[in-house]
Amino acid sequence: MEHALGSGTLVRFRAEGSSMHPTIRDGELITVAPVSIADVARGDLLLCRHRGRVLAHRIVSIAGDGRDRRFALRGDNQRASDVFVGAGDIVARIVAVRRRGRSIALPGGWLRHRAGMTAAWTRRTIVQAIEACRSITVGAVRRRS
């Protein structure tokens, strides 16, 4: 799996267990994609190595920088963080689950971050346009007086 991910290939396999219920249910096919540690964000669903096994959990907090980053993980069906991993333990980002014959995208934190940046840019652009219109209108009113 890690060799395929290293070449940029998406990998699918069957999930086992209920720790990520209801997001990922026991026996469903999940799709994972390569991930850069720099792009990992709170809310992402990750596939990680932990104590000799590979597990799927959500990032609930991040501490540190670069290769020293540490990630607190929790299954969606758990009450508290139960796993802490380092940057080197991250295998892939979970991007989709196949349920009842259709694929469901699981965007996670990176998409919310990008959407937030886009929304902030849009707000700034709208505010700048409104301010420009106001200054044109005020200037036109002053010239008439």
N, C-alpha and C. Protein backbone atom coordinates (compact mmCIF):
# COMPACT_ATOMS: atom_id res chain seq x y z
N MET A 1 0.83 -1.19 0.00
CA MET A 1 0.00 0.00 0.00
C MET A 1 0.88 1.26 0.00
N GLU A 2 1.86 1.32 0.88
CA GLU A 2 2.69 2.52 0.97
C GLU A 2 3.49 2.73 -0.31
N HIS A 3 3.88 1.67 -0.99
CA HIS A 3 4.58 1.81 -2.26
C HIS A 3 3.66 2.45 -3.30
N ALA A 4 2.41 1.99 -3.38
CA ALA A 4 1.45 2.56 -4.33
C ALA A 4 1.19 4.03 -4.00
N LEU A 5 1.02 4.35 -2.72
CA LEU A 5 0.78 5.74 -2.31
C LEU A 5 1.99 6.61 -2.66
N GLY A 6 3.18 6.06 -2.50
CA GLY A 6 4.40 6.79 -2.81
C GLY A 6 4.49 7.18 -4.28
N SER A 7 3.83 6.42 -5.14
CA SER A 7 3.84 6.75 -6.56
C SER A 7 2.63 7.61 -6.95
N GLY A 8 1.85 8.03 -5.93
CA GLY A 8 0.72 8.93 -6.20
C GLY A 8 -0.59 8.23 -6.49
N THR A 9 -0.65 6.93 -6.33
CA THR A 9 -1.84 6.16 -6.63
C THR A 9 -2.83 6.17 -5.47
N LEU A 10 -4.12 6.27 -5.78
CA LEU A 10 -5.16 6.09 -4.76
C LEU A 10 -5.25 4.61 -4.43
N VAL A 11 -5.52 4.29 -3.17
CA VAL A 11 -5.62 2.90 -2.74
C VAL A 11 -6.96 2.70 -2.06
N ARG A 12 -7.63 1.57 -2.35
CA ARG A 12 -8.90 1.23 -1.70
C ARG A 12 -8.74 -0.06 -0.92
N PHE A 13 -9.39 -0.10 0.23
CA PHE A 13 -9.45 -1.33 0.99
C PHE A 13 -10.65 -1.31 1.93
N ARG A 14 -10.96 -2.44 2.49
CA ARG A 14 -12.13 -2.59 3.35
C ARG A 14 -11.77 -2.22 4.80
N ALA A 15 -12.58 -1.33 5.38
CA ALA A 15 -12.37 -0.92 6.77
C ALA A 15 -12.91 -1.99 7.72
N GLU A 16 -12.25 -2.12 8.85
CA GLU A 16 -12.70 -3.06 9.89
C GLU A 16 -12.85 -2.32 11.20
N GLY A 17 -13.92 -2.57 11.91
CA GLY A 17 -14.13 -1.96 13.21
C GLY A 17 -15.16 -0.86 13.19
N SER A 18 -15.47 -0.34 14.38
CA SER A 18 -16.53 0.66 14.51
C SER A 18 -16.05 1.99 15.09
N SER A 19 -14.74 2.17 15.24
CA SER A 19 -14.25 3.39 15.89
C SER A 19 -14.57 4.65 15.10
N MET A 20 -14.77 4.57 13.79
CA MET A 20 -15.07 5.75 12.97
C MET A 20 -16.55 5.85 12.60
N HIS A 21 -17.39 5.02 13.20
CA HIS A 21 -18.83 5.07 12.93
C HIS A 21 -19.39 6.39 13.42
N PRO A 22 -20.24 7.09 12.73
CA PRO A 22 -20.95 6.71 11.51
C PRO A 22 -20.25 7.13 10.22
N THR A 23 -19.12 7.85 10.31
CA THR A 23 -18.44 8.33 9.10
C THR A 23 -17.98 7.17 8.23
N ILE A 24 -17.35 6.19 8.85
CA ILE A 24 -16.91 4.98 8.16
C ILE A 24 -17.46 3.81 8.95
N ARG A 25 -18.18 2.94 8.27
CA ARG A 25 -18.80 1.79 8.95
C ARG A 25 -18.02 0.52 8.66
N ASP A 26 -18.12 -0.41 9.59
CA ASP A 26 -17.43 -1.68 9.47
C ASP A 26 -17.75 -2.34 8.13
N GLY A 27 -16.71 -2.72 7.39
CA GLY A 27 -16.88 -3.42 6.13
C GLY A 27 -16.97 -2.54 4.90
N GLU A 28 -17.02 -1.23 5.07
CA GLU A 28 -17.11 -0.34 3.90
C GLU A 28 -15.74 -0.19 3.25
N LEU A 29 -15.76 0.10 1.95
CA LEU A 29 -14.52 0.37 1.22
C LEU A 29 -14.14 1.83 1.44
N ILE A 30 -12.88 2.06 1.80
CA ILE A 30 -12.40 3.44 1.92
C ILE A 30 -11.30 3.66 0.89
N THR A 31 -11.20 4.90 0.43
CA THR A 31 -10.17 5.29 -0.52
C THR A 31 -9.21 6.23 0.19
N VAL A 32 -7.92 5.94 0.07
CA VAL A 32 -6.90 6.78 0.68
C VAL A 32 -6.00 7.34 -0.41
N ALA A 33 -5.44 8.53 -0.12
CA ALA A 33 -4.58 9.22 -1.07
C ALA A 33 -3.30 9.64 -0.37
N PRO A 34 -2.23 9.83 -1.14
CA PRO A 34 -0.99 10.33 -0.55
C PRO A 34 -1.24 11.68 0.12
N VAL A 35 -0.48 11.99 1.16
CA VAL A 35 -0.63 13.26 1.86
C VAL A 35 0.74 13.79 2.27
N SER A 36 0.89 15.09 2.16
CA SER A 36 2.09 15.77 2.63
C SER A 36 1.83 16.22 4.06
N ILE A 37 2.78 16.04 4.94
CA ILE A 37 2.63 16.45 6.34
C ILE A 37 2.29 17.93 6.42
N ALA A 38 2.84 18.74 5.54
CA ALA A 38 2.58 20.18 5.55
C ALA A 38 1.12 20.51 5.26
N ASP A 39 0.41 19.60 4.58
CA ASP A 39 -0.99 19.85 4.21
C ASP A 39 -1.99 19.27 5.20
N VAL A 40 -1.52 18.58 6.20
CA VAL A 40 -2.43 17.96 7.17
C VAL A 40 -3.03 19.03 8.07
N ALA A 41 -4.35 18.96 8.27
CA ALA A 41 -5.05 19.96 9.08
C ALA A 41 -5.99 19.28 10.07
N ARG A 42 -6.32 20.00 11.13
CA ARG A 42 -7.26 19.49 12.12
C ARG A 42 -8.57 19.16 11.41
N GLY A 43 -9.14 18.01 11.72
CA GLY A 43 -10.37 17.56 11.08
C GLY A 43 -10.14 16.55 9.97
N ASP A 44 -8.89 16.45 9.48
CA ASP A 44 -8.59 15.47 8.43
C ASP A 44 -8.76 14.06 8.97
N LEU A 45 -9.15 13.16 8.07
CA LEU A 45 -9.21 11.74 8.38
C LEU A 45 -7.94 11.11 7.85
N LEU A 46 -7.19 10.47 8.72
CA LEU A 46 -5.90 9.92 8.33
C LEU A 46 -5.82 8.42 8.56
N LEU A 47 -4.97 7.80 7.79
CA LEU A 47 -4.59 6.42 7.99
C LEU A 47 -3.20 6.48 8.60
N CYS A 48 -3.00 5.90 9.79
CA CYS A 48 -1.72 5.99 10.51
C CYS A 48 -1.28 4.64 11.02
N ARG A 49 0.04 4.53 11.22
CA ARG A 49 0.60 3.35 11.88
C ARG A 49 0.60 3.62 13.38
N HIS A 50 0.15 2.63 14.14
CA HIS A 50 0.15 2.79 15.60
C HIS A 50 0.24 1.41 16.24
N ARG A 51 1.31 1.19 17.00
CA ARG A 51 1.50 -0.07 17.73
C ARG A 51 1.33 -1.32 16.85
N GLY A 52 2.00 -1.30 15.72
CA GLY A 52 2.01 -2.47 14.85
C GLY A 52 0.77 -2.67 13.99
N ARG A 53 -0.13 -1.71 13.98
CA ARG A 53 -1.31 -1.84 13.13
C ARG A 53 -1.55 -0.52 12.41
N VAL A 54 -2.43 -0.55 11.44
CA VAL A 54 -2.81 0.66 10.70
C VAL A 54 -4.24 0.98 11.08
N LEU A 55 -4.48 2.25 11.44
CA LEU A 55 -5.84 2.63 11.83
C LEU A 55 -6.27 3.93 11.18
N ALA A 56 -7.58 4.09 11.08
CA ALA A 56 -8.18 5.30 10.50
C ALA A 56 -8.81 6.10 11.63
N HIS A 57 -8.37 7.35 11.79
CA HIS A 57 -8.91 8.23 12.82
C HIS A 57 -8.88 9.68 12.32
N ARG A 58 -9.56 10.55 13.05
CA ARG A 58 -9.63 11.97 12.72
C ARG A 58 -8.64 12.75 13.60
N ILE A 59 -7.99 13.76 13.00
CA ILE A 59 -7.09 14.62 13.78
C ILE A 59 -7.93 15.58 14.61
N VAL A 60 -7.68 15.61 15.93
CA VAL A 60 -8.39 16.55 16.80
C VAL A 60 -7.49 17.68 17.28
N SER A 61 -6.17 17.48 17.23
CA SER A 61 -5.25 18.58 17.54
C SER A 61 -3.87 18.27 16.99
N ILE A 62 -3.11 19.36 16.77
CA ILE A 62 -1.76 19.25 16.22
C ILE A 62 -0.83 20.09 17.09
N ALA A 63 0.33 19.52 17.41
CA ALA A 63 1.33 20.26 18.20
C ALA A 63 2.68 20.13 17.50
N GLY A 64 3.51 21.15 17.63
CA GLY A 64 4.85 21.11 17.05
C GLY A 64 4.89 21.57 15.61
N ASP A 65 6.11 21.51 15.04
CA ASP A 65 6.34 21.97 13.66
C ASP A 65 7.11 20.93 12.87
N GLY A 66 6.92 20.95 11.56
CA GLY A 66 7.68 20.10 10.65
C GLY A 66 7.63 18.63 11.01
N ARG A 67 8.80 18.00 10.97
CA ARG A 67 8.87 16.56 11.27
C ARG A 67 8.62 16.28 12.76
N ASP A 68 8.66 17.32 13.60
CA ASP A 68 8.41 17.14 15.04
C ASP A 68 6.93 17.28 15.38
N ARG A 69 6.08 17.42 14.37
CA ARG A 69 4.64 17.55 14.64
C ARG A 69 4.10 16.28 15.27
N ARG A 70 3.19 16.47 16.22
CA ARG A 70 2.51 15.35 16.89
C ARG A 70 1.01 15.56 16.68
N PHE A 71 0.30 14.49 16.46
CA PHE A 71 -1.12 14.54 16.14
C PHE A 71 -1.94 13.74 17.15
N ALA A 72 -2.93 14.39 17.73
CA ALA A 72 -3.87 13.68 18.59
C ALA A 72 -5.01 13.21 17.70
N LEU A 73 -5.29 11.93 17.75
CA LEU A 73 -6.32 11.33 16.89
C LEU A 73 -7.46 10.76 17.72
N ARG A 74 -8.62 10.73 17.10
CA ARG A 74 -9.77 10.14 17.79
C ARG A 74 -10.70 9.55 16.74
N GLY A 75 -11.24 8.40 17.05
CA GLY A 75 -12.28 7.82 16.21
C GLY A 75 -13.57 8.60 16.43
N ASP A 76 -14.38 8.75 15.40
CA ASP A 76 -15.63 9.51 15.52
C ASP A 76 -16.59 8.89 16.53
N ASN A 77 -16.42 7.62 16.81
CA ASN A 77 -17.28 6.91 17.76
C ASN A 77 -16.69 6.89 19.17
N GLN A 78 -15.62 7.66 19.40
CA GLN A 78 -14.94 7.68 20.69
C GLN A 78 -15.21 9.01 21.40
N ARG A 79 -15.13 9.03 22.71
CA ARG A 79 -15.36 10.26 23.48
C ARG A 79 -14.10 11.09 23.67
N ALA A 80 -12.95 10.47 23.65
CA ALA A 80 -11.70 11.19 23.91
C ALA A 80 -10.62 10.72 22.93
N SER A 81 -9.59 11.54 22.78
CA SER A 81 -8.46 11.15 21.95
C SER A 81 -7.84 9.90 22.54
N ASP A 82 -7.59 8.95 21.68
CA ASP A 82 -7.04 7.70 22.18
C ASP A 82 -5.70 7.34 21.55
N VAL A 83 -5.27 8.12 20.56
CA VAL A 83 -4.04 7.81 19.86
C VAL A 83 -3.27 9.11 19.61
N PHE A 84 -1.96 9.06 19.84
CA PHE A 84 -1.07 10.17 19.52
C PHE A 84 0.02 9.63 18.62
N VAL A 85 0.24 10.27 17.46
CA VAL A 85 1.23 9.78 16.51
C VAL A 85 2.12 10.93 16.05
N GLY A 86 3.30 10.56 15.55
CA GLY A 86 4.21 11.54 14.99
C GLY A 86 4.02 11.65 13.49
N ALA A 87 4.68 12.61 12.89
CA ALA A 87 4.55 12.85 11.45
C ALA A 87 4.95 11.61 10.64
N GLY A 88 5.95 10.89 11.11
CA GLY A 88 6.41 9.70 10.39
C GLY A 88 5.44 8.54 10.42
N ASP A 89 4.43 8.60 11.28
CA ASP A 89 3.45 7.52 11.39
C ASP A 89 2.28 7.68 10.43
N ILE A 90 2.17 8.85 9.79
CA ILE A 90 1.04 9.10 8.89
C ILE A 90 1.28 8.39 7.56
N VAL A 91 0.31 7.61 7.14
CA VAL A 91 0.41 6.83 5.91
C VAL A 91 -0.32 7.52 4.76
N ALA A 92 -1.55 8.00 5.01
CA ALA A 92 -2.35 8.58 3.92
C ALA A 92 -3.52 9.37 4.50
N ARG A 93 -4.18 10.13 3.63
CA ARG A 93 -5.42 10.83 3.98
C ARG A 93 -6.58 10.02 3.42
N ILE A 94 -7.62 9.85 4.22
CA ILE A 94 -8.82 9.15 3.75
C ILE A 94 -9.67 10.16 3.00
N VAL A 95 -9.99 9.86 1.74
CA VAL A 95 -10.69 10.84 0.90
C VAL A 95 -12.10 10.43 0.53
N ALA A 96 -12.44 9.14 0.67
CA ALA A 96 -13.80 8.71 0.28
C ALA A 96 -14.15 7.38 0.94
N VAL A 97 -15.44 7.15 1.03
CA VAL A 97 -15.96 5.86 1.51
C VAL A 97 -17.02 5.41 0.50
N ARG A 98 -17.07 4.13 0.24
CA ARG A 98 -18.08 3.57 -0.68
C ARG A 98 -19.19 2.96 0.16
N ARG A 99 -20.38 3.53 0.00
CA ARG A 99 -21.54 3.10 0.80
C ARG A 99 -22.73 2.89 -0.12
N ARG A 100 -23.33 1.70 -0.03
CA ARG A 100 -24.52 1.36 -0.83
C ARG A 100 -24.31 1.63 -2.33
N GLY A 101 -23.12 1.29 -2.81
CA GLY A 101 -22.85 1.40 -4.23
C GLY A 101 -22.42 2.76 -4.74
N ARG A 102 -22.30 3.76 -3.85
CA ARG A 102 -21.84 5.07 -4.33
C ARG A 102 -20.70 5.58 -3.47
N SER A 103 -19.85 6.38 -4.09
CA SER A 103 -18.70 6.93 -3.40
C SER A 103 -19.07 8.25 -2.74
N ILE A 104 -18.70 8.40 -1.47
CA ILE A 104 -18.99 9.62 -0.71
C ILE A 104 -17.66 10.26 -0.34
N ALA A 105 -17.46 11.50 -0.79
CA ALA A 105 -16.23 12.22 -0.48
C ALA A 105 -16.18 12.56 1.00
N LEU A 106 -15.00 12.43 1.59
CA LEU A 106 -14.78 12.77 2.99
C LEU A 106 -13.74 13.88 3.03
N PRO A 107 -14.17 15.14 2.87
CA PRO A 107 -13.21 16.23 2.69
C PRO A 107 -12.29 16.52 3.86
N GLY A 108 -12.74 16.50 5.10
CA GLY A 108 -11.85 16.77 6.23
C GLY A 108 -11.45 18.21 6.35
N GLY A 109 -10.44 18.46 7.18
CA GLY A 109 -10.03 19.82 7.53
C GLY A 109 -9.39 20.61 6.41
N TRP A 110 -8.63 19.97 5.51
CA TRP A 110 -7.93 20.70 4.46
C TRP A 110 -8.92 21.42 3.55
N LEU A 111 -10.08 20.81 3.27
CA LEU A 111 -11.05 21.47 2.40
C LEU A 111 -11.73 22.63 3.12
N ARG A 112 -12.04 22.44 4.40
CA ARG A 112 -12.64 23.54 5.17
C ARG A 112 -11.67 24.71 5.24
N HIS A 113 -10.38 24.43 5.39
CA HIS A 113 -9.37 25.49 5.43
C HIS A 113 -9.34 26.24 4.10
N ARG A 114 -9.31 25.49 3.00
CA ARG A 114 -9.29 26.13 1.68
C ARG A 114 -10.58 26.91 1.44
N ALA A 115 -11.73 26.37 1.83
CA ALA A 115 -13.01 27.07 1.66
C ALA A 115 -13.02 28.35 2.50
N GLY A 116 -12.45 28.29 3.70
CA GLY A 116 -12.38 29.47 4.56
C GLY A 116 -11.51 30.55 3.94
N MET A 117 -10.40 30.14 3.33
CA MET A 117 -9.52 31.11 2.67
C MET A 117 -10.24 31.75 1.49
N THR A 118 -10.97 30.94 0.72
CA THR A 118 -11.72 31.46 -0.43
C THR A 118 -12.80 32.42 0.04
N ALA A 119 -13.50 32.06 1.10
CA ALA A 119 -14.56 32.93 1.63
C ALA A 119 -13.97 34.26 2.12
N ALA A 120 -12.83 34.21 2.79
CA ALA A 120 -12.19 35.44 3.28
C ALA A 120 -11.77 36.32 2.10
N TRP A 121 -11.22 35.74 1.05
CA TRP A 121 -10.83 36.50 -0.13
C TRP A 121 -12.07 37.14 -0.77
N THR A 122 -13.16 36.37 -0.87
CA THR A 122 -14.40 36.89 -1.46
C THR A 122 -14.94 38.06 -0.64
N ARG A 123 -14.95 37.91 0.69
CA ARG A 123 -15.42 39.00 1.55
C ARG A 123 -14.58 40.26 1.35
N ARG A 124 -13.25 40.12 1.33
CA ARG A 124 -12.37 41.27 1.13
C ARG A 124 -12.65 41.95 -0.21
N THR A 125 -12.82 41.14 -1.24
CA THR A 125 -13.08 41.69 -2.57
C THR A 125 -14.40 42.45 -2.61
N ILE A 126 -15.43 41.90 -1.99
CA ILE A 126 -16.74 42.56 -1.96
C ILE A 126 -16.66 43.86 -1.17
N VAL A 127 -16.00 43.83 -0.02
CA VAL A 127 -15.86 45.05 0.79
C VAL A 127 -15.10 46.12 0.01
N GLN A 128 -14.05 45.74 -0.68
CA GLN A 128 -13.28 46.71 -1.48
C GLN A 128 -14.15 47.29 -2.60
N ALA A 129 -14.97 46.46 -3.24
CA ALA A 129 -15.85 46.95 -4.31
C ALA A 129 -16.89 47.91 -3.75
N ILE A 130 -17.46 47.60 -2.59
CA ILE A 130 -18.46 48.48 -1.97
C ILE A 130 -17.81 49.81 -1.60
N GLU A 131 -16.62 49.77 -1.00
CA GLU A 131 -15.92 51.00 -0.64
C GLU A 131 -15.61 51.84 -1.89
N ALA A 132 -15.23 51.21 -2.96
CA ALA A 132 -14.95 51.94 -4.21
C ALA A 132 -16.22 52.60 -4.73
N CYS A 133 -17.34 51.89 -4.67
CA CYS A 133 -18.63 52.46 -5.12
C CYS A 133 -19.03 53.64 -4.23
N ARG A 134 -18.82 53.50 -2.94
CA ARG A 134 -19.17 54.59 -2.01
C ARG A 134 -18.35 55.84 -2.31
N SER A 135 -17.06 55.66 -2.57
CA SER A 135 -16.21 56.83 -2.82
C SER A 135 -16.60 57.49 -4.14
N ILE A 136 -17.00 56.73 -5.13
CA ILE A 136 -17.44 57.30 -6.41
C ILE A 136 -18.74 58.07 -6.20
N THR A 137 -19.69 57.48 -5.44
CA THR A 137 -20.98 58.11 -5.17
C THR A 137 -20.79 59.40 -4.37
N VAL A 138 -19.98 59.37 -3.34
CA VAL A 138 -19.73 60.55 -2.50
C VAL A 138 -19.09 61.64 -3.34
N GLY A 139 -18.14 61.31 -4.18
CA GLY A 139 -17.48 62.29 -5.06
C GLY A 139 -18.47 62.92 -6.02
N ALA A 140 -19.38 62.11 -6.59
CA ALA A 140 -20.37 62.63 -7.53
C ALA A 140 -21.35 63.56 -6.84
N VAL A 141 -21.76 63.24 -5.60
CA VAL A 141 -22.69 64.08 -4.84
C VAL A 141 -22.03 65.40 -4.50
N ARG A 142 -20.76 65.39 -4.12
CA ARG A 142 -20.05 66.63 -3.75
C ARG A 142 -19.90 67.54 -4.96
N ARG A 143 -19.66 67.00 -6.14
CA ARG A 143 -19.51 67.82 -7.34
C ARG A 143 -20.81 68.52 -7.72
N ARG A 144 -21.95 67.90 -7.46
CA ARG A 144 -23.25 68.51 -7.78
C ARG A 144 -23.58 69.66 -6.86
N SER A 145 -23.09 69.64 -5.63
CA SER A 145 -23.44 70.67 -4.65
C SER A 145 -22.82 71.99 -4.91
